[in-house]
Amino acid sequence: MQLSSKEFFRGVIVTLSLMTISISVSAHHSFAVHFFPEGEVTVTGVVTSYRFANPHGVVELTALDTDGQEVAWRAETNSPSMLRRRGWTRESIKVGEEVTLTGWPARADDHYLRIRMVTFSDGSILATQPGVNLSQD
């Protein structure tokens, strides 16, 4: 049996649509699967990388552990579209500056967190979630 060009084209469209849906579904992950929603972790360190891109922004920094040893931390944020609504930009965080990240600890990595807010050395704050208290008292 031979397909007409119309049937073939329709089959290609359906196949590509299904592939696109499966890729986007597998790329998204549940917050609760990866992070402890009831926990909180705070880490202060020097930013080594800041990526303001989809699917999640990422901040990497070097902090000192309790023994004074340098430890690499990685922290993810919301998508750039959500962050823009809360005042974030590509220039919000700069490599080399010291910041304090507060957020939810990862379930599978002791040096990974989901950012709730970023506090800068001057006391200014960037929040990733609505309802974060931005007062400095």
Protein backbone atom coordinates (compact mmCIF):
# COMPACT_ATOMS: atom_id res chain seq x y z
CA MET A 1 0.00 0.00 0.00
CA GLN A 2 1.34 3.36 -0.97
CA LEU A 3 0.61 6.57 0.96
CA SER A 4 -0.41 9.71 -0.82
CA SER A 5 1.80 12.72 -0.28
CA LYS A 6 -0.98 14.25 1.83
CA GLU A 7 -1.14 11.17 4.09
CA PHE A 8 2.65 11.01 4.33
CA PHE A 9 2.87 14.70 5.28
CA ARG A 10 0.13 14.25 7.89
CA GLY A 11 2.05 11.29 9.37
CA VAL A 12 5.26 13.32 9.55
CA ILE A 13 3.46 16.19 11.33
CA VAL A 14 1.89 13.82 13.87
CA THR A 15 5.23 12.10 14.53
CA LEU A 16 7.11 15.38 14.98
CA SER A 17 4.37 16.71 17.27
CA LEU A 18 4.55 13.63 19.48
CA MET A 19 8.34 13.83 19.62
CA THR A 20 8.19 17.50 20.65
CA ILE A 21 5.67 16.79 23.39
CA SER A 22 7.71 13.89 24.79
CA ILE A 23 10.91 15.96 24.82
CA SER A 24 9.31 18.86 26.70
CA VAL A 25 7.62 16.54 29.20
CA SER A 26 10.85 14.68 29.96
CA ALA A 27 12.76 17.96 30.32
CA HIS A 28 10.47 19.26 33.06
CA HIS A 29 10.82 17.91 36.57
CA SER A 30 8.80 18.21 39.70
CA PHE A 31 10.13 20.48 42.46
CA ALA A 32 9.19 17.98 45.20
CA VAL A 33 11.01 15.14 43.47
CA HIS A 34 14.34 17.01 43.61
CA PHE A 35 14.08 19.34 46.64
CA PHE A 36 12.87 19.24 50.25
CA PRO A 37 10.00 21.77 50.32
CA GLU A 38 10.03 21.91 54.14
CA GLY A 39 13.79 22.49 54.42
CA GLU A 40 15.97 25.56 54.05
CA VAL A 41 19.65 26.00 53.41
CA THR A 42 21.75 29.16 53.31
CA VAL A 43 25.17 29.38 51.70
CA THR A 44 27.47 32.38 51.24
CA GLY A 45 30.17 32.38 48.62
CA VAL A 46 31.73 33.92 45.54
CA VAL A 47 29.84 33.55 42.25
CA THR A 48 31.76 31.55 39.64
CA SER A 49 28.98 31.35 37.05
CA TYR A 50 25.51 32.79 36.41
CA ARG A 51 23.32 31.49 33.59
CA PHE A 52 20.05 33.33 32.87
CA ALA A 53 18.56 30.81 30.44
CA ASN A 54 15.82 28.21 30.04
CA PRO A 55 14.69 25.92 31.45
CA HIS A 56 16.11 27.26 34.76
CA GLY A 57 18.64 29.93 35.59
CA VAL A 58 21.70 28.59 37.41
CA VAL A 59 24.10 30.19 39.88
CA GLU A 60 27.35 28.46 40.75
CA LEU A 61 29.55 29.63 43.59
CA THR A 62 32.46 28.64 45.76
CA ALA A 63 31.86 28.64 49.51
CA LEU A 64 33.86 27.53 52.53
CA ASP A 65 32.70 24.50 54.50
CA THR A 66 33.00 24.18 58.29
CA ASP A 67 36.62 23.02 57.91
CA GLY A 68 37.53 26.06 55.81
CA GLN A 69 37.76 24.02 52.60
CA GLU A 70 36.39 25.42 49.34
CA VAL A 71 33.21 23.71 48.15
CA ALA A 72 31.49 24.21 44.80
CA TRP A 73 27.73 24.88 45.07
CA ARG A 74 25.16 24.88 42.29
CA ALA A 75 21.75 26.51 42.63
CA GLU A 76 18.87 26.68 40.20
CA THR A 77 16.21 29.34 39.85
CA ASN A 78 12.96 29.73 37.95
CA SER A 79 12.82 30.30 34.22
CA PRO A 80 14.00 33.70 32.97
CA SER A 81 10.42 34.73 32.08
CA MET A 82 9.34 34.24 35.70
CA LEU A 83 12.47 35.88 37.08
CA ARG A 84 12.02 38.99 34.90
CA ARG A 85 8.64 39.54 36.57
CA ARG A 86 10.47 39.63 39.90
CA GLY A 87 13.15 42.08 38.78
CA TRP A 88 15.93 39.75 37.63
CA THR A 89 18.03 40.40 34.50
CA ARG A 90 21.07 38.85 32.83
CA GLU A 91 23.17 41.34 34.80
CA SER A 92 21.55 40.74 38.21
CA ILE A 93 24.38 38.55 39.46
CA LYS A 94 28.01 39.03 38.51
CA VAL A 95 30.84 36.55 38.52
CA GLY A 96 33.24 37.39 41.36
CA GLU A 97 30.74 39.00 43.71
CA GLU A 98 29.87 37.54 47.09
CA VAL A 99 26.25 36.54 47.60
CA THR A 100 24.17 34.60 50.08
CA LEU A 101 21.75 32.10 48.58
CA THR A 102 18.80 30.91 50.62
CA GLY A 103 16.63 28.11 49.35
CA TRP A 104 15.45 24.56 49.45
CA PRO A 105 18.02 21.76 49.76
CA ALA A 106 18.29 19.09 47.08
CA ARG A 107 17.32 15.56 47.97
CA ALA A 108 20.27 13.94 46.18
CA ASP A 109 23.14 16.45 46.46
CA ASP A 110 24.46 18.19 49.58
CA HIS A 111 25.79 21.12 47.52
CA TYR A 112 22.77 21.86 45.36
CA LEU A 113 19.72 23.99 46.12
CA ARG A 114 16.69 25.68 44.61
CA ILE A 115 17.01 29.43 45.18
CA ARG A 116 14.34 31.21 47.20
CA MET A 117 16.30 34.47 47.41
CA VAL A 118 19.70 36.00 46.81
CA THR A 119 21.11 38.52 49.29
CA PHE A 120 23.96 40.78 48.16
CA SER A 121 26.72 42.22 50.35
CA ASP A 122 24.94 45.62 50.37
CA GLY A 123 21.80 43.96 51.83
CA SER A 124 19.72 44.13 48.64
CA ILE A 125 17.66 41.06 47.83
CA LEU A 126 16.43 39.31 44.70
CA ALA A 127 13.56 36.91 45.30
CA THR A 128 12.53 34.00 43.11
CA GLN A 129 9.21 33.33 44.79
CA PRO A 130 6.24 35.55 45.61
CA GLY A 131 5.78 36.27 49.28
CA VAL A 132 9.49 36.43 50.15
CA ASN A 133 9.97 39.09 52.82
CA LEU A 134 12.25 41.70 51.25
CA SER A 135 12.48 43.89 54.35
CA GLN A 136 15.95 44.22 55.76
CA ASP A 137 15.12 44.41 59.49
